[in-house]
PDB file of N, CA and C in Angstrom:
ATOM      1  N   MET A   1      -5.490 -13.514  87.559  1.00  0.00           N
ATOM      2  CA  MET A   1      -6.242 -14.757  87.626  1.00  0.00           C
ATOM      3  C   MET A   1      -7.435 -14.693  88.799  1.00  0.00           C
ATOM      4  N   PRO A   2      -8.476 -15.256  88.782  1.00  0.00           N
ATOM      5  CA  PRO A   2      -9.447 -15.150  89.717  1.00  0.00           C
ATOM      6  C   PRO A   2      -9.383 -16.068  90.476  1.00  0.00           C
ATOM      7  N   GLU A   3      -9.738 -15.736  91.906  1.00  0.00           N
ATOM      8  CA  GLU A   3      -9.699 -16.668  93.210  1.00  0.00           C
ATOM      9  C   GLU A   3     -10.712 -17.554  92.893  1.00  0.00           C
ATOM     10  N   PRO A   4     -10.553 -18.672  93.663  1.00  0.00           N
ATOM     11  CA  PRO A   4     -11.179 -20.110  93.504  1.00  0.00           C
ATOM     12  C   PRO A   4     -12.457 -19.406  94.710  1.00  0.00           C
ATOM     13  N   GLU A   5     -13.718 -19.837  94.310  1.00  0.00           N
ATOM     14  CA  GLU A   5     -14.958 -19.323  95.006  1.00  0.00           C
ATOM     15  C   GLU A   5     -14.979 -19.854  96.549  1.00  0.00           C
ATOM     16  N   SER A   6     -14.212 -20.887  96.753  1.00  0.00           N
ATOM     17  CA  SER A   6     -13.860 -21.086  98.609  1.00  0.00           C
ATOM     18  C   SER A   6     -12.943 -20.198  99.347  1.00  0.00           C
ATOM     19  N   VAL A   7     -12.647 -19.148  98.564  1.00  0.00           N
ATOM     20  CA  VAL A   7     -11.538 -18.331  99.392  1.00  0.00           C
ATOM     21  C   VAL A   7     -12.595 -17.410 100.055  1.00  0.00           C
ATOM     22  N   ALA A   8     -12.653 -16.925 101.258  1.00  0.00           N
ATOM     23  CA  ALA A   8     -13.659 -16.138 101.939  1.00  0.00           C
ATOM     24  C   ALA A   8     -12.658 -14.816 102.301  1.00  0.00           C
ATOM     25  N   HIS A   9     -13.472 -13.752 102.054  1.00  0.00           N
ATOM     26  CA  HIS A   9     -12.990 -12.425 101.964  1.00  0.00           C
ATOM     27  C   HIS A   9     -13.576 -11.837 103.513  1.00  0.00           C
ATOM     28  N   HIS A  10     -12.497 -11.208 104.220  1.00  0.00           N
ATOM     29  CA  HIS A  10     -13.020 -10.437 105.360  1.00  0.00           C
ATOM     30  C   HIS A  10     -12.393  -9.373 105.355  1.00  0.00           C
ATOM     31  N   GLU A  11     -12.996  -8.321 106.346  1.00  0.00           N
ATOM     32  CA  GLU A  11     -12.633  -7.199 106.190  1.00  0.00           C
ATOM     33  C   GLU A  11     -11.329  -7.120 106.871  1.00  0.00           C
ATOM     34  N   LYS A  12     -10.096  -6.275 105.947  1.00  0.00           N
ATOM     35  CA  LYS A  12      -8.720  -6.087 106.421  1.00  0.00           C
ATOM     36  C   LYS A  12      -8.805  -4.513 107.340  1.00  0.00           C
ATOM     37  N   GLY A  13      -9.154  -3.721 106.695  1.00  0.00           N
ATOM     38  CA  GLY A  13      -9.301  -2.445 106.957  1.00  0.00           C
ATOM     39  C   GLY A  13     -10.455  -1.743 106.551  1.00  0.00           C
ATOM     40  N   ARG A  14     -10.810  -0.466 107.345  1.00  0.00           N
ATOM     41  CA  ARG A  14     -11.874   0.591 106.945  1.00  0.00           C
ATOM     42  C   ARG A  14     -11.608   1.890 107.379  1.00  0.00           C
ATOM     43  N   TYR A  15     -11.687   2.869 106.425  1.00  0.00           N
ATOM     44  CA  TYR A  15     -11.174   4.087 106.709  1.00  0.00           C
ATOM     45  C   TYR A  15     -12.148   5.070 105.883  1.00  0.00           C
ATOM     46  N   LYS A  16     -12.298   6.177 106.176  1.00  0.00           N
ATOM     47  CA  LYS A  16     -13.107   7.499 105.470  1.00  0.00           C
ATOM     48  C   LYS A  16     -11.827   7.952 104.480  1.00  0.00           C
ATOM     49  N   GLU A  17     -12.325   8.462 103.407  1.00  0.00           N
ATOM     50  CA  GLU A  17     -11.204   9.114 102.545  1.00  0.00           C
ATOM     51  C   GLU A  17     -12.063  10.428 101.963  1.00  0.00           C
ATOM     52  N   THR A  18     -11.441  11.498 101.671  1.00  0.00           N
ATOM     53  CA  THR A  18     -12.026  12.479 101.382  1.00  0.00           C
ATOM     54  C   THR A  18     -11.071  12.624 100.030  1.00  0.00           C
ATOM     55  N   CYS A  19     -12.452  12.975  99.034  1.00  0.00           N
ATOM     56  CA  CYS A  19     -11.453  13.105  97.732  1.00  0.00           C
ATOM     57  C   CYS A  19     -11.149  14.516  97.410  1.00  0.00           C
ATOM     58  N   GLY A  20      -9.537  14.067  96.983  1.00  0.00           N
ATOM     59  CA  GLY A  20      -8.818  15.476  96.853  1.00  0.00           C
ATOM     60  C   GLY A  20      -9.340  16.420  95.366  1.00  0.00           C
ATOM     61  N   ALA A  21     -10.054  15.498  94.660  1.00  0.00           N
ATOM     62  CA  ALA A  21     -10.431  16.414  93.370  1.00  0.00           C
ATOM     63  C   ALA A  21     -12.044  17.108  93.514  1.00  0.00           C
ATOM     64  N   CYS A  22     -12.961  16.291  94.459  1.00  0.00           N
ATOM     65  CA  CYS A  22     -14.163  17.041  94.577  1.00  0.00           C
ATOM     66  C   CYS A  22     -14.581  17.623  95.903  1.00  0.00           C
ATOM     67  N   GLY A  23     -14.113  16.841  97.108  1.00  0.00           N
ATOM     68  CA  GLY A  23     -14.311  16.825  98.296  1.00  0.00           C
ATOM     69  C   GLY A  23     -15.451  16.032  99.088  1.00  0.00           C
ATOM     70  N   ALA A  24     -15.633  15.051  98.015  1.00  0.00           N
ATOM     71  CA  ALA A  24     -16.631  13.918  98.457  1.00  0.00           C
ATOM     72  C   ALA A  24     -16.051  13.489  99.508  1.00  0.00           C
ATOM     73  N   VAL A  25     -17.281  12.702 100.833  1.00  0.00           N
ATOM     74  CA  VAL A  25     -16.234  11.763 101.438  1.00  0.00           C
ATOM     75  C   VAL A  25     -17.024  10.340 101.345  1.00  0.00           C
ATOM     76  N   PHE A  26     -16.385   9.687 101.541  1.00  0.00           N
ATOM     77  CA  PHE A  26     -16.817   8.131 101.504  1.00  0.00           C
ATOM     78  C   PHE A  26     -15.849   7.219 102.381  1.00  0.00           C
ATOM     79  N   GLU A  27     -16.561   5.878 102.769  1.00  0.00           N
ATOM     80  CA  GLU A  27     -15.779   5.208 103.378  1.00  0.00           C
ATOM     81  C   GLU A  27     -15.332   3.853 102.695  1.00  0.00           C
ATOM     82  N   VAL A  28     -14.379   3.542 102.767  1.00  0.00           N
ATOM     83  CA  VAL A  28     -13.467   2.249 101.861  1.00  0.00           C
ATOM     84  C   VAL A  28     -13.486   1.038 102.672  1.00  0.00           C
ATOM     85  N   VAL A  29     -14.082  -0.115 102.417  1.00  0.00           N
ATOM     86  CA  VAL A  29     -13.673  -0.970 103.284  1.00  0.00           C
ATOM     87  C   VAL A  29     -12.864  -2.067 102.304  1.00  0.00           C
ATOM     88  N   VAL A  30     -11.579  -2.556 102.770  1.00  0.00           N
ATOM     89  CA  VAL A  30     -10.587  -2.923 102.375  1.00  0.00           C
ATOM     90  C   VAL A  30     -10.757  -4.721 102.629  1.00  0.00           C
ATOM     91  N   LEU A  31     -10.786  -5.814 101.506  1.00  0.00           N
ATOM     92  CA  LEU A  31     -11.067  -7.253 101.891  1.00  0.00           C
ATOM     93  C   LEU A  31      -9.576  -7.888 102.049  1.00  0.00           C
ATOM     94  N   GLY A  32      -9.524  -8.490 102.682  1.00  0.00           N
ATOM     95  CA  GLY A  32      -8.242  -9.591 102.252  1.00  0.00           C
ATOM     96  C   GLY A  32      -8.734 -10.904 102.675  1.00  0.00           C
ATOM     97  N   GLY A  33      -8.071 -11.894 102.333  1.00  0.00           N
ATOM     98  CA  GLY A  33      -8.361 -13.371 102.364  1.00  0.00           C
ATOM     99  C   GLY A  33      -8.571 -13.702 103.914  1.00  0.00           C
ATOM    100  N   ARG A  34      -8.962 -15.136 103.745  1.00  0.00           N
ATOM    101  CA  ARG A  34      -9.187 -15.827 105.107  1.00  0.00           C
ATOM    102  C   ARG A  34      -7.859 -15.674 105.592  1.00  0.00           C
ATOM    103  N   MET A  35      -6.702 -16.098 105.277  1.00  0.00           N
ATOM    104  CA  MET A  35      -5.299 -16.092 105.584  1.00  0.00           C
ATOM    105  C   MET A  35      -4.562 -15.190 105.139  1.00  0.00           C
ATOM    106  N   ALA A  36      -5.140 -13.702 105.422  1.00  0.00           N
ATOM    107  CA  ALA A  36      -4.654 -12.422 104.868  1.00  0.00           C
ATOM    108  C   ALA A  36      -3.006 -12.422 104.843  1.00  0.00           C
ATOM    109  N   LYS A  37      -2.280 -12.905 105.538  1.00  0.00           N
ATOM    110  CA  LYS A  37      -0.812 -12.767 105.789  1.00  0.00           C
ATOM    111  C   LYS A  37      -0.177 -13.960 104.622  1.00  0.00           C
ATOM    112  N   THR A  38      -0.852 -14.822 104.006  1.00  0.00           N
ATOM    113  CA  THR A  38      -0.425 -15.722 103.225  1.00  0.00           C
ATOM    114  C   THR A  38      -1.277 -15.655 101.667  1.00  0.00           C
ATOM    115  N   SER A  39      -2.481 -14.836 101.900  1.00  0.00           N
ATOM    116  CA  SER A  39      -3.156 -14.334 100.624  1.00  0.00           C
ATOM    117  C   SER A  39      -2.270 -13.323  99.645  1.00  0.00           C
ATOM    118  N   ARG A  40      -2.433 -13.577  98.623  1.00  0.00           N
ATOM    119  CA  ARG A  40      -1.811 -12.783  97.563  1.00  0.00           C
ATOM    120  C   ARG A  40      -2.361 -11.658  97.589  1.00  0.00           C
ATOM    121  N   GLU A  41      -2.111 -10.627  97.645  1.00  0.00           N
ATOM    122  CA  GLU A  41      -2.850  -9.228  97.827  1.00  0.00           C
ATOM    123  C   GLU A  41      -2.602  -8.347  96.547  1.00  0.00           C
ATOM    124  N   ASP A  42      -3.211  -7.602  95.829  1.00  0.00           N
ATOM    125  CA  ASP A  42      -2.698  -6.971  94.741  1.00  0.00           C
ATOM    126  C   ASP A  42      -3.167  -5.677  94.884  1.00  0.00           C
ATOM    127  N   ARG A  43      -2.741  -4.650  93.855  1.00  0.00           N
ATOM    128  CA  ARG A  43      -3.298  -3.391  93.594  1.00  0.00           C
ATOM    129  C   ARG A  43      -5.012  -3.332  93.106  1.00  0.00           C
ATOM    130  N   GLU A  44      -5.483  -2.730  94.268  1.00  0.00           N
ATOM    131  CA  GLU A  44      -6.831  -2.925  93.739  1.00  0.00           C
ATOM    132  C   GLU A  44      -7.251  -1.225  93.610  1.00  0.00           C
ATOM    133  N   ASP A  45      -7.890  -1.289  92.308  1.00  0.00           N
ATOM    134  CA  ASP A  45      -8.351   0.484  91.977  1.00  0.00           C
ATOM    135  C   ASP A  45      -9.899   0.502  92.735  1.00  0.00           C
ATOM    136  N   TYR A  46      -9.977   1.957  92.989  1.00  0.00           N
ATOM    137  CA  TYR A  46     -11.438   1.797  93.408  1.00  0.00           C
ATOM    138  C   TYR A  46     -11.686   3.869  93.000  1.00  0.00           C
ATOM    139  N   ASP A  47     -12.755   4.023  92.946  1.00  0.00           N
ATOM    140  CA  ASP A  47     -13.166   5.307  92.585  1.00  0.00           C
ATOM    141  C   ASP A  47     -14.125   6.106  93.516  1.00  0.00           C
ATOM    142  N   CYS A  48     -13.862   7.450  93.536  1.00  0.00           N
ATOM    143  CA  CYS A  48     -14.839   8.197  93.930  1.00  0.00           C
ATOM    144  C   CYS A  48     -16.055   8.184  93.803  1.00  0.00           C
ATOM    145  N   PRO A  49     -17.082   7.925  94.288  1.00  0.00           N
ATOM    146  CA  PRO A  49     -18.638   7.733  93.909  1.00  0.00           C
ATOM    147  C   PRO A  49     -19.167   9.078  93.326  1.00  0.00           C
ATOM    148  N   GLU A  50     -18.598  10.000  93.648  1.00  0.00           N
ATOM    149  CA  GLU A  50     -19.043  11.458  93.319  1.00  0.00           C
ATOM    150  C   GLU A  50     -18.533  11.712  91.756  1.00  0.00           C
ATOM    151  N   CYS A  51     -17.329  11.805  91.397  1.00  0.00           N
ATOM    152  CA  CYS A  51     -16.585  12.112  90.325  1.00  0.00           C
ATOM    153  C   CYS A  51     -15.677  11.413  89.523  1.00  0.00           C
ATOM    154  N   GLY A  52     -15.388   9.995  90.422  1.00  0.00           N
ATOM    155  CA  GLY A  52     -14.702   8.984  89.292  1.00  0.00           C
ATOM    156  C   GLY A  52     -13.521   9.054  89.553  1.00  0.00           C
ATOM    157  N   HIS A  53     -12.787   9.930  90.322  1.00  0.00           N
ATOM    158  CA  HIS A  53     -11.267  10.007  90.702  1.00  0.00           C
ATOM    159  C   HIS A  53     -10.836   8.761  91.113  1.00  0.00           C
ATOM    160  N   THR A  54      -9.634   8.218  90.623  1.00  0.00           N
ATOM    161  CA  THR A  54      -9.443   6.915  91.159  1.00  0.00           C
ATOM    162  C   THR A  54      -8.350   7.136  92.134  1.00  0.00           C
ATOM    163  N   TYR A  55      -8.465   5.961  93.052  1.00  0.00           N
ATOM    164  CA  TYR A  55      -7.471   5.812  94.244  1.00  0.00           C
ATOM    165  C   TYR A  55      -7.163   4.312  94.402  1.00  0.00           C
ATOM    166  N   HIS A  56      -6.302   3.861  95.073  1.00  0.00           N
ATOM    167  CA  HIS A  56      -5.790   2.455  95.430  1.00  0.00           C
ATOM    168  C   HIS A  56      -5.653   2.108  96.672  1.00  0.00           C
ATOM    169  N   CYS A  57      -5.635   0.676  96.480  1.00  0.00           N
ATOM    170  CA  CYS A  57      -5.380  -0.055  97.884  1.00  0.00           C
ATOM    171  C   CYS A  57      -4.791  -1.210  97.919  1.00  0.00           C
ATOM    172  N   ARG A  58      -4.273  -1.911  98.542  1.00  0.00           N
ATOM    173  CA  ARG A  58      -3.967  -3.258  98.559  1.00  0.00           C
ATOM    174  C   ARG A  58      -4.747  -4.475  99.225  1.00  0.00           C
ATOM    175  N   GLY A  59      -5.608  -5.379  98.627  1.00  0.00           N
ATOM    176  CA  GLY A  59      -6.302  -6.280  99.086  1.00  0.00           C
ATOM    177  C   GLY A  59      -6.307  -7.609  98.154  1.00  0.00           C
ATOM    178  N   THR A  60      -7.234  -8.146  98.444  1.00  0.00           N
ATOM    179  CA  THR A  60      -7.624  -9.530  97.772  1.00  0.00           C
ATOM    180  C   THR A  60      -8.853  -9.656  96.884  1.00  0.00           C
ATOM    181  N   ALA A  61      -9.585  -8.285  96.817  1.00  0.00           N
ATOM    182  CA  ALA A  61     -10.704  -8.271  96.093  1.00  0.00           C
ATOM    183  C   ALA A  61     -10.719  -6.929  95.918  1.00  0.00           C
ATOM    184  N   PRO A  62     -11.921  -6.155  95.119  1.00  0.00           N
ATOM    185  CA  PRO A  62     -11.964  -4.836  95.053  1.00  0.00           C
ATOM    186  C   PRO A  62     -12.618  -4.407  96.134  1.00  0.00           C
ATOM    187  N   PRO A  63     -12.500  -3.345  96.804  1.00  0.00           N
ATOM    188  CA  PRO A  63     -12.881  -2.536  98.210  1.00  0.00           C
ATOM    189  C   PRO A  63     -14.468  -2.420  97.654  1.00  0.00           C
ATOM    190  N   ARG A  64     -15.253  -2.180  99.040  1.00  0.00           N
ATOM    191  CA  ARG A  64     -16.510  -1.801  99.032  1.00  0.00           C
ATOM    192  C   ARG A  64     -16.531  -0.147  99.403  1.00  0.00           C
ATOM    193  N   VAL A  65     -16.913   0.780  98.452  1.00  0.00           N
ATOM    194  CA  VAL A  65     -17.102   2.125  98.593  1.00  0.00           C
ATOM    195  C   VAL A  65     -18.152   2.536  98.958  1.00  0.00           C
ATOM    196  N   THR A  66     -18.682   3.393  99.945  1.00  0.00           N
ATOM    197  CA  THR A  66     -19.761   3.904 100.459  1.00  0.00           C
ATOM    198  C   THR A  66     -20.265   5.101 100.594  1.00  0.00           C
ATOM    199  N   LEU A  67     -20.716   6.104  99.663  1.00  0.00           N
ATOM    200  CA  LEU A  67     -20.547   7.652  99.874  1.00  0.00           C
ATOM    201  C   LEU A  67     -21.148   8.056 101.450  1.00  0.00           C
ATOM    202  N   LEU A  68     -20.349   8.865 101.898  1.00  0.00           N
ATOM    203  CA  LEU A  68     -21.107   9.462 103.298  1.00  0.00           C
ATOM    204  C   LEU A  68     -21.471  10.854 102.872  1.00  0.00           C
ATOM    205  N   SER A  69     -21.080  11.683 102.351  1.00  0.00           N
ATOM    206  CA  SER A  69     -21.579  13.113 102.004  1.00  0.00           C
ATOM    207  C   SER A  69     -20.813  13.348 100.409  1.00  0.00           C
ATOM    208  N   GLY A  70     -21.648  14.070  99.741  1.00  0.00           N
ATOM    209  CA  GLY A  70     -21.459  14.289  98.486  1.00  0.00           C
ATOM    210  C   GLY A  70     -20.161  15.473  98.308  1.00  0.00           C
ATOM    211  N   ARG A  71     -20.019  15.765  97.020  1.00  0.00           N
ATOM    212  CA  ARG A  71     -19.143  16.717  96.624  1.00  0.00           C
ATOM    213  C   ARG A  71     -19.117  17.830  97.020  1.00  0.00           C
ATOM    214  N   THR A  72     -17.977  18.857  97.494  1.00  0.00           N
ATOM    215  CA  THR A  72     -18.396  20.058  98.171  1.00  0.00           C
ATOM    216  C   THR A  72     -17.532  21.332  96.919  1.00  0.00           C
ATOM    217  N   ASP A  73     -17.341  20.705  95.896  1.00  0.00           N
ATOM    218  CA  ASP A  73     -16.717  21.687  94.681  1.00  0.00           C
ATOM    219  C   ASP A  73     -17.760  22.474  93.769  1.00  0.00           C
ATOM    220  N   GLY A  74     -18.925  22.021  94.094  1.00  0.00           N
ATOM    221  CA  GLY A  74     -20.014  22.715  93.274  1.00  0.00           C
ATOM    222  C   GLY A  74     -20.336  21.845  92.061  1.00  0.00           C
ATOM    223  N   GLY A  75     -19.336  21.230  91.610  1.00  0.00           N
ATOM    224  CA  GLY A  75     -19.730  20.270  90.086  1.00  0.00           C
ATOM    225  C   GLY A  75     -20.531  19.082  90.168  1.00  0.00           C
ATOM    226  N   GLY A  76     -21.053  18.790  89.178  1.00  0.00           N
ATOM    227  CA  GLY A  76     -21.892  17.626  88.934  1.00  0.00           C
ATOM    228  C   GLY A  76     -23.492  18.141  88.951  1.00  0.00           C
ATOM    229  N   ASP A  77     -23.637  19.334  89.095  1.00  0.00           N
ATOM    230  CA  ASP A  77     -25.108  19.764  89.305  1.00  0.00           C
ATOM    231  C   ASP A  77     -25.671  19.542  87.796  1.00  0.00           C
TER     232      ASP A  77
END
C-alpha cells in the first residue's frame, strides 16, 4: 500500500556496497520515515547499477543508489 504523500522520508543510513557479481562499487542511501521507529519498514530491493544483481535492505521507500566506480570483471563492454 503506498504511503500518504505527507510522510517525509529521511536518510536512515548510507553505505558503500561492492557488487559480488561484477565488482562495481556504489553508494546506497536507505530511507526511513519521519518517525523511523514507528514507521513500517519493508524489504526494499535495489539493483547494482552496472550488472543488475539484486540486493535488499529495510526501509520505508526504495533506496537511492549511486554508482561510484564501474565493474571490474571485464563484462558489459
